[in-house]
Each structure stands twice: as C-alpha cells, then as structure tokens.
Amino acid sequence: MNYIAAFLITLKEFYPIKIIGSFIITLSLILFCSNNYILYEGLFILIIVDLFAGLIKIIRNEEKFKLKIFKNTLNKILLYSLLLIATNQVQKISEIMMWIDSFTLTFLAITELLSILNNLSKSGILIPEWIKIKLEKYIKTGDFK
C-alpha cells in the first residue's frame, strides 16, 4: 500500500486529542515561555527532519510501514514541550538555574541530530563517523573537545 495513502486513511483515527494537545502545548511554549522561541522552533524542525529521515530509512530498506513512527514523533513533541516548559519555569524561579533552559535545548537538539544521522546512515547514506562520535561524546560528557 502506498505510504501516503496509509497515513491519510488512518489520520482520522490517529489520536486527535493528542495531536491538538501537542500543537497547543508547543505553540504556547514557543509564544509565551521564553525569548528562545527561535531555538524552540529549530528543535521542532529537527524533530520533523528526524521523522522524514525515519521515513526515508523505511522506504529505502523496504521495511513494513507502521504508524508507530508518527505516534512516537507526536509523543516526542509532547514530552519535549512539557520538559521545556518546566525548565523555563525553573529558570524563571531561580537565578541560580539560569543555564537549565539552554542546556536542555542543546541536549535535545544534539539528541535529535544523532537520531537523524543514525536514520540516514541506516538508509545507506554515508555519514562521516567522526560527526557521530563527537555528538555521542558531547551527550556523555558535555564536552566537544
């Protein structure tokens, strides 16, 4: 079955409350929580790119298409949005924790970049290994050196 047709057929059954909720939470995060709204938008663009990289992997490897990929992306958007709202509020409460919002955004963005690179490499696109090594090292140690 065509991937697009399968998606459109099941779209009406695909957690409409969760979809609406994720868009409302994400929009409120971008509009009201911080001056970092451009960084938030960048993170959510990375999530969408990761979704498409996963779809490319499925198509190129001729794997069976599952709607789980869309559910996981939606859950990721909800979780990231709630996490970023919480870290933003912690940052507003305590001057000692001013770094937490930027740290969380950076960690999530690097995690998404790693996921994109893994999906692309599994679909046969050559990715330099040193890029993945640097990103994984940053996630483990917090240091790019």
N, C-alpha and C. Protein backbone atom coordinates (compact mmCIF):
# COMPACT_ATOMS: atom_id res chain seq x y z
N MET A 1 0.85 -1.19 0.00
CA MET A 1 0.00 0.00 0.00
C MET A 1 0.89 1.24 0.00
N ASN A 2 0.43 2.24 -0.65
CA ASN A 2 1.16 3.49 -0.72
C ASN A 2 1.28 4.10 0.68
N TYR A 3 2.48 4.58 1.02
CA TYR A 3 2.72 5.13 2.36
C TYR A 3 1.82 6.33 2.66
N ILE A 4 1.66 7.20 1.69
CA ILE A 4 0.84 8.39 1.89
C ILE A 4 -0.62 8.00 2.07
N ALA A 5 -1.09 7.06 1.27
CA ALA A 5 -2.48 6.62 1.39
C ALA A 5 -2.73 5.97 2.75
N ALA A 6 -1.76 5.17 3.21
CA ALA A 6 -1.92 4.53 4.53
C ALA A 6 -2.00 5.58 5.63
N PHE A 7 -1.18 6.61 5.50
CA PHE A 7 -1.20 7.67 6.50
C PHE A 7 -2.53 8.43 6.47
N LEU A 8 -3.01 8.78 5.28
CA LEU A 8 -4.25 9.56 5.16
C LEU A 8 -5.47 8.76 5.62
N ILE A 9 -5.47 7.47 5.35
CA ILE A 9 -6.61 6.64 5.75
C ILE A 9 -6.73 6.57 7.27
N THR A 10 -5.61 6.47 7.94
CA THR A 10 -5.65 6.31 9.40
C THR A 10 -5.52 7.62 10.15
N LEU A 11 -5.36 8.73 9.44
CA LEU A 11 -5.20 10.02 10.11
C LEU A 11 -6.40 10.36 11.00
N LYS A 12 -7.60 10.05 10.54
CA LYS A 12 -8.79 10.37 11.32
C LYS A 12 -8.87 9.57 12.62
N GLU A 13 -8.20 8.42 12.67
CA GLU A 13 -8.21 7.60 13.88
C GLU A 13 -6.98 7.84 14.74
N PHE A 14 -6.14 8.76 14.37
CA PHE A 14 -4.80 8.90 14.96
C PHE A 14 -4.78 9.92 16.09
N TYR A 15 -5.29 9.54 17.24
CA TYR A 15 -5.22 10.35 18.45
C TYR A 15 -5.52 11.83 18.21
N PRO A 16 -6.70 12.19 17.81
CA PRO A 16 -6.97 13.61 17.52
C PRO A 16 -6.77 14.52 18.74
N ILE A 17 -7.07 14.04 19.93
CA ILE A 17 -6.88 14.88 21.12
C ILE A 17 -5.40 15.09 21.38
N LYS A 18 -4.59 14.05 21.19
CA LYS A 18 -3.16 14.17 21.41
C LYS A 18 -2.54 15.13 20.38
N ILE A 19 -3.01 15.07 19.14
CA ILE A 19 -2.49 15.96 18.11
C ILE A 19 -2.80 17.41 18.46
N ILE A 20 -4.06 17.68 18.79
CA ILE A 20 -4.46 19.04 19.13
C ILE A 20 -3.72 19.51 20.38
N GLY A 21 -3.62 18.64 21.38
CA GLY A 21 -2.91 18.99 22.60
C GLY A 21 -1.45 19.30 22.36
N SER A 22 -0.79 18.49 21.52
CA SER A 22 0.63 18.73 21.27
C SER A 22 0.84 20.05 20.55
N PHE A 23 -0.04 20.40 19.62
CA PHE A 23 0.13 21.67 18.93
C PHE A 23 -0.13 22.86 19.86
N ILE A 24 -1.12 22.74 20.74
CA ILE A 24 -1.40 23.82 21.69
C ILE A 24 -0.25 23.99 22.67
N ILE A 25 0.25 22.89 23.21
CA ILE A 25 1.37 22.97 24.16
C ILE A 25 2.62 23.51 23.48
N THR A 26 2.92 23.03 22.28
CA THR A 26 4.09 23.51 21.55
C THR A 26 3.96 24.98 21.21
N LEU A 27 2.79 25.39 20.74
CA LEU A 27 2.58 26.80 20.40
C LEU A 27 2.71 27.68 21.63
N SER A 28 2.17 27.24 22.77
CA SER A 28 2.31 28.03 23.98
C SER A 28 3.76 28.10 24.43
N LEU A 29 4.51 27.03 24.24
CA LEU A 29 5.93 27.04 24.56
C LEU A 29 6.66 28.07 23.71
N ILE A 30 6.41 28.04 22.42
CA ILE A 30 7.11 28.94 21.51
C ILE A 30 6.72 30.40 21.75
N LEU A 31 5.45 30.64 22.00
CA LEU A 31 4.98 32.03 22.10
C LEU A 31 5.19 32.67 23.47
N PHE A 32 5.04 31.89 24.54
CA PHE A 32 4.95 32.52 25.85
C PHE A 32 6.08 32.21 26.82
N CYS A 33 6.86 31.19 26.57
CA CYS A 33 7.78 30.74 27.61
C CYS A 33 9.13 31.41 27.62
N SER A 34 9.60 31.88 26.50
CA SER A 34 10.98 32.32 26.53
C SER A 34 11.29 33.23 25.37
N ASN A 35 12.43 33.86 25.48
CA ASN A 35 12.95 34.62 24.36
C ASN A 35 13.69 33.71 23.39
N ASN A 36 13.79 32.44 23.72
CA ASN A 36 14.47 31.47 22.87
C ASN A 36 13.53 30.81 21.88
N TYR A 37 12.47 31.48 21.47
CA TYR A 37 11.48 30.83 20.63
C TYR A 37 12.07 30.37 19.30
N ILE A 38 13.07 31.05 18.79
CA ILE A 38 13.70 30.61 17.53
C ILE A 38 14.42 29.28 17.76
N LEU A 39 15.05 29.11 18.92
CA LEU A 39 15.70 27.84 19.23
C LEU A 39 14.67 26.72 19.39
N TYR A 40 13.52 27.03 20.00
CA TYR A 40 12.46 26.04 20.12
C TYR A 40 11.98 25.61 18.74
N GLU A 41 11.77 26.60 17.86
CA GLU A 41 11.34 26.27 16.51
C GLU A 41 12.38 25.40 15.82
N GLY A 42 13.66 25.72 16.02
CA GLY A 42 14.72 24.91 15.43
C GLY A 42 14.68 23.47 15.91
N LEU A 43 14.43 23.28 17.21
CA LEU A 43 14.33 21.94 17.76
C LEU A 43 13.18 21.17 17.12
N PHE A 44 12.04 21.81 16.97
CA PHE A 44 10.90 21.11 16.39
C PHE A 44 11.09 20.86 14.90
N ILE A 45 11.85 21.70 14.23
CA ILE A 45 12.21 21.41 12.83
C ILE A 45 13.10 20.17 12.79
N LEU A 46 14.03 20.05 13.73
CA LEU A 46 14.87 18.84 13.80
C LEU A 46 14.03 17.59 14.03
N ILE A 47 12.98 17.70 14.84
CA ILE A 47 12.10 16.56 15.08
C ILE A 47 11.42 16.14 13.78
N ILE A 48 10.95 17.11 13.01
CA ILE A 48 10.29 16.81 11.74
C ILE A 48 11.29 16.21 10.74
N VAL A 49 12.51 16.77 10.70
CA VAL A 49 13.55 16.21 9.83
C VAL A 49 13.85 14.77 10.24
N ASP A 50 13.88 14.50 11.54
CA ASP A 50 14.10 13.13 12.02
C ASP A 50 12.98 12.20 11.57
N LEU A 51 11.75 12.69 11.60
CA LEU A 51 10.62 11.90 11.12
C LEU A 51 10.82 11.54 9.65
N PHE A 52 11.19 12.53 8.83
CA PHE A 52 11.40 12.26 7.40
C PHE A 52 12.61 11.36 7.17
N ALA A 53 13.65 11.50 7.98
CA ALA A 53 14.80 10.61 7.87
C ALA A 53 14.39 9.17 8.19
N GLY A 54 13.51 9.01 9.18
CA GLY A 54 12.99 7.69 9.50
C GLY A 54 12.15 7.12 8.37
N LEU A 55 11.36 7.97 7.72
CA LEU A 55 10.56 7.52 6.58
C LEU A 55 11.46 7.13 5.41
N ILE A 56 12.52 7.89 5.18
CA ILE A 56 13.48 7.55 4.12
C ILE A 56 14.11 6.19 4.41
N LYS A 57 14.45 5.95 5.68
CA LYS A 57 15.04 4.66 6.07
C LYS A 57 14.06 3.53 5.79
N ILE A 58 12.80 3.73 6.12
CA ILE A 58 11.78 2.70 5.90
C ILE A 58 11.63 2.42 4.40
N ILE A 59 11.56 3.47 3.60
CA ILE A 59 11.35 3.29 2.16
C ILE A 59 12.57 2.64 1.51
N ARG A 60 13.77 3.13 1.83
CA ARG A 60 14.98 2.61 1.18
C ARG A 60 15.30 1.18 1.60
N ASN A 61 14.96 0.81 2.83
CA ASN A 61 15.22 -0.55 3.29
C ASN A 61 14.04 -1.48 3.05
N GLU A 62 12.99 -0.94 2.42
CA GLU A 62 11.78 -1.69 2.10
C GLU A 62 11.19 -2.38 3.33
N GLU A 63 11.19 -1.64 4.43
CA GLU A 63 10.60 -2.15 5.66
C GLU A 63 9.09 -1.95 5.62
N LYS A 64 8.40 -2.65 6.48
CA LYS A 64 6.95 -2.50 6.56
C LYS A 64 6.63 -1.16 7.22
N PHE A 65 5.75 -0.42 6.62
CA PHE A 65 5.35 0.89 7.14
C PHE A 65 4.45 0.70 8.36
N LYS A 66 4.78 1.42 9.44
CA LYS A 66 3.96 1.35 10.65
C LYS A 66 3.65 2.78 11.10
N LEU A 67 2.46 2.96 11.59
CA LEU A 67 2.07 4.29 12.10
C LEU A 67 2.76 4.61 13.41
N LYS A 68 3.45 3.64 13.97
CA LYS A 68 4.16 3.86 15.23
C LYS A 68 5.16 5.00 15.11
N ILE A 69 5.73 5.20 13.93
CA ILE A 69 6.70 6.28 13.74
C ILE A 69 6.04 7.64 13.97
N PHE A 70 4.79 7.79 13.54
CA PHE A 70 4.08 9.05 13.76
C PHE A 70 3.68 9.21 15.22
N LYS A 71 3.26 8.12 15.84
CA LYS A 71 2.91 8.17 17.26
C LYS A 71 4.12 8.54 18.10
N ASN A 72 5.27 7.93 17.79
CA ASN A 72 6.49 8.24 18.54
C ASN A 72 6.91 9.69 18.37
N THR A 73 6.77 10.22 17.16
CA THR A 73 7.11 11.62 16.92
C THR A 73 6.18 12.54 17.70
N LEU A 74 4.90 12.22 17.71
CA LEU A 74 3.94 13.02 18.45
C LEU A 74 4.21 12.97 19.95
N ASN A 75 4.52 11.78 20.45
CA ASN A 75 4.87 11.65 21.87
C ASN A 75 6.14 12.44 22.20
N LYS A 76 7.11 12.41 21.28
CA LYS A 76 8.36 13.14 21.48
C LYS A 76 8.08 14.65 21.55
N ILE A 77 7.23 15.15 20.67
CA ILE A 77 6.89 16.57 20.67
C ILE A 77 6.23 16.96 21.99
N LEU A 78 5.28 16.14 22.45
CA LEU A 78 4.61 16.41 23.73
C LEU A 78 5.60 16.40 24.89
N LEU A 79 6.43 15.38 24.94
CA LEU A 79 7.39 15.25 26.04
C LEU A 79 8.39 16.40 26.03
N TYR A 80 8.95 16.70 24.87
CA TYR A 80 9.92 17.80 24.79
C TYR A 80 9.28 19.13 25.17
N SER A 81 8.05 19.36 24.70
CA SER A 81 7.38 20.62 25.02
C SER A 81 7.16 20.76 26.52
N LEU A 82 6.66 19.71 27.14
CA LEU A 82 6.44 19.77 28.59
C LEU A 82 7.75 19.94 29.35
N LEU A 83 8.80 19.25 28.92
CA LEU A 83 10.10 19.39 29.55
C LEU A 83 10.64 20.81 29.41
N LEU A 84 10.50 21.39 28.23
CA LEU A 84 11.00 22.75 28.02
C LEU A 84 10.18 23.79 28.77
N ILE A 85 8.88 23.57 28.89
CA ILE A 85 8.06 24.48 29.70
C ILE A 85 8.51 24.40 31.15
N ALA A 86 8.73 23.19 31.64
CA ALA A 86 9.16 23.02 33.04
C ALA A 86 10.52 23.67 33.27
N THR A 87 11.49 23.45 32.39
CA THR A 87 12.81 24.04 32.58
C THR A 87 12.76 25.55 32.48
N ASN A 88 11.88 26.05 31.63
CA ASN A 88 11.74 27.51 31.52
C ASN A 88 11.19 28.09 32.81
N GLN A 89 10.25 27.40 33.42
CA GLN A 89 9.67 27.89 34.68
C GLN A 89 10.68 27.82 35.82
N VAL A 90 11.49 26.75 35.84
CA VAL A 90 12.55 26.64 36.85
C VAL A 90 13.53 27.80 36.67
N GLN A 91 13.85 28.11 35.45
CA GLN A 91 14.77 29.21 35.17
C GLN A 91 14.21 30.54 35.66
N LYS A 92 12.91 30.73 35.53
CA LYS A 92 12.30 31.98 35.98
C LYS A 92 12.26 32.08 37.51
N ILE A 93 12.13 30.94 38.18
CA ILE A 93 12.03 30.93 39.63
C ILE A 93 13.38 31.18 40.29
N SER A 94 14.42 30.55 39.77
CA SER A 94 15.72 30.59 40.44
C SER A 94 16.79 31.19 39.53
N GLU A 95 17.45 32.22 40.01
CA GLU A 95 18.53 32.82 39.24
C GLU A 95 19.73 31.89 39.15
N ILE A 96 19.86 30.98 40.09
CA ILE A 96 20.96 30.03 40.07
C ILE A 96 20.83 29.07 38.89
N MET A 97 19.60 28.80 38.48
CA MET A 97 19.35 27.82 37.42
C MET A 97 19.14 28.48 36.04
N MET A 98 19.76 29.62 35.79
CA MET A 98 19.57 30.32 34.52
C MET A 98 20.05 29.51 33.31
N TRP A 99 20.92 28.56 33.51
CA TRP A 99 21.52 27.77 32.46
C TRP A 99 20.66 26.59 32.00
N ILE A 100 19.67 26.22 32.80
CA ILE A 100 18.98 24.95 32.57
C ILE A 100 18.20 24.94 31.25
N ASP A 101 17.61 26.06 30.87
CA ASP A 101 16.84 26.12 29.64
C ASP A 101 17.75 25.90 28.43
N SER A 102 18.86 26.59 28.39
CA SER A 102 19.80 26.44 27.26
C SER A 102 20.41 25.05 27.24
N PHE A 103 20.75 24.52 28.40
CA PHE A 103 21.32 23.18 28.47
C PHE A 103 20.34 22.14 27.94
N THR A 104 19.08 22.25 28.35
CA THR A 104 18.07 21.30 27.91
C THR A 104 17.86 21.38 26.40
N LEU A 105 17.75 22.60 25.89
CA LEU A 105 17.59 22.77 24.45
C LEU A 105 18.77 22.18 23.68
N THR A 106 19.97 22.43 24.15
CA THR A 106 21.16 21.91 23.48
C THR A 106 21.18 20.39 23.51
N PHE A 107 20.90 19.80 24.66
CA PHE A 107 20.89 18.35 24.79
C PHE A 107 19.86 17.72 23.85
N LEU A 108 18.65 18.28 23.82
CA LEU A 108 17.60 17.72 22.97
C LEU A 108 17.94 17.87 21.49
N ALA A 109 18.52 19.02 21.11
CA ALA A 109 18.88 19.23 19.71
C ALA A 109 19.97 18.25 19.28
N ILE A 110 20.96 18.03 20.12
CA ILE A 110 22.03 17.09 19.77
C ILE A 110 21.50 15.66 19.71
N THR A 111 20.58 15.32 20.59
CA THR A 111 19.94 14.01 20.55
C THR A 111 19.19 13.82 19.23
N GLU A 112 18.49 14.85 18.79
CA GLU A 112 17.77 14.78 17.52
C GLU A 112 18.74 14.67 16.34
N LEU A 113 19.82 15.44 16.37
CA LEU A 113 20.82 15.36 15.30
C LEU A 113 21.39 13.94 15.21
N LEU A 114 21.67 13.34 16.35
CA LEU A 114 22.20 11.98 16.36
C LEU A 114 21.19 11.00 15.78
N SER A 115 19.93 11.18 16.12
CA SER A 115 18.89 10.31 15.58
C SER A 115 18.77 10.47 14.06
N ILE A 116 18.85 11.70 13.58
CA ILE A 116 18.80 11.96 12.13
C ILE A 116 19.97 11.26 11.44
N LEU A 117 21.17 11.43 11.99
CA LEU A 117 22.35 10.80 11.39
C LEU A 117 22.25 9.29 11.39
N ASN A 118 21.74 8.71 12.48
CA ASN A 118 21.57 7.25 12.54
C ASN A 118 20.56 6.76 11.51
N ASN A 119 19.44 7.47 11.37
CA ASN A 119 18.44 7.08 10.38
C ASN A 119 19.00 7.18 8.96
N LEU A 120 19.74 8.25 8.68
CA LEU A 120 20.30 8.41 7.35
C LEU A 120 21.36 7.36 7.06
N SER A 121 22.19 7.04 8.05
CA SER A 121 23.23 6.02 7.82
C SER A 121 22.60 4.64 7.64
N LYS A 122 21.51 4.36 8.35
CA LYS A 122 20.82 3.08 8.17
C LYS A 122 20.11 2.98 6.83
N SER A 123 19.86 4.13 6.19
CA SER A 123 19.22 4.11 4.88
C SER A 123 20.25 4.09 3.75
N GLY A 124 21.54 4.00 4.12
CA GLY A 124 22.57 3.86 3.10
C GLY A 124 23.30 5.14 2.74
N ILE A 125 22.96 6.23 3.38
CA ILE A 125 23.65 7.50 3.12
C ILE A 125 24.89 7.54 3.99
N LEU A 126 26.03 7.83 3.37
CA LEU A 126 27.29 7.84 4.11
C LEU A 126 27.39 9.09 4.98
N ILE A 127 27.60 8.87 6.26
CA ILE A 127 27.78 9.94 7.24
C ILE A 127 29.18 9.77 7.83
N PRO A 128 29.99 10.84 7.86
CA PRO A 128 31.31 10.70 8.48
C PRO A 128 31.19 10.25 9.94
N GLU A 129 31.95 9.24 10.29
CA GLU A 129 31.88 8.65 11.62
C GLU A 129 32.28 9.63 12.71
N TRP A 130 33.20 10.55 12.41
CA TRP A 130 33.68 11.48 13.42
C TRP A 130 32.57 12.41 13.91
N ILE A 131 31.60 12.69 13.06
CA ILE A 131 30.49 13.55 13.49
C ILE A 131 29.68 12.84 14.58
N LYS A 132 29.33 11.58 14.32
CA LYS A 132 28.57 10.82 15.32
C LYS A 132 29.36 10.65 16.62
N ILE A 133 30.66 10.41 16.48
CA ILE A 133 31.50 10.24 17.68
C ILE A 133 31.51 11.51 18.52
N LYS A 134 31.66 12.67 17.86
CA LYS A 134 31.67 13.96 18.59
C LYS A 134 30.34 14.20 19.30
N LEU A 135 29.22 13.95 18.60
CA LEU A 135 27.91 14.18 19.21
C LEU A 135 27.67 13.23 20.38
N GLU A 136 28.03 11.96 20.21
CA GLU A 136 27.85 11.00 21.31
C GLU A 136 28.73 11.37 22.50
N LYS A 137 29.93 11.84 22.23
CA LYS A 137 30.82 12.26 23.32
C LYS A 137 30.23 13.46 24.06
N TYR A 138 29.63 14.40 23.30
CA TYR A 138 29.01 15.56 23.95
C TYR A 138 27.86 15.15 24.84
N ILE A 139 27.07 14.20 24.38
CA ILE A 139 25.93 13.75 25.19
C ILE A 139 26.43 13.09 26.47
N LYS A 140 27.50 12.31 26.39
CA LYS A 140 28.01 11.62 27.57
C LYS A 140 28.77 12.53 28.52
N THR A 141 29.58 13.44 27.97
CA THR A 141 30.48 14.24 28.83
C THR A 141 30.12 15.72 28.90
N GLY A 142 29.38 16.22 27.89
CA GLY A 142 29.08 17.65 27.86
C GLY A 142 30.23 18.47 27.31
N ASP A 143 31.19 17.80 26.64
CA ASP A 143 32.37 18.49 26.15
C ASP A 143 32.62 18.07 24.71
N PHE A 144 32.84 19.06 23.83
CA PHE A 144 33.11 18.78 22.43
C PHE A 144 34.60 18.50 22.16
N LYS A 145 35.47 18.77 23.10
CA LYS A 145 36.91 18.63 22.87
C LYS A 145 37.35 17.21 22.76
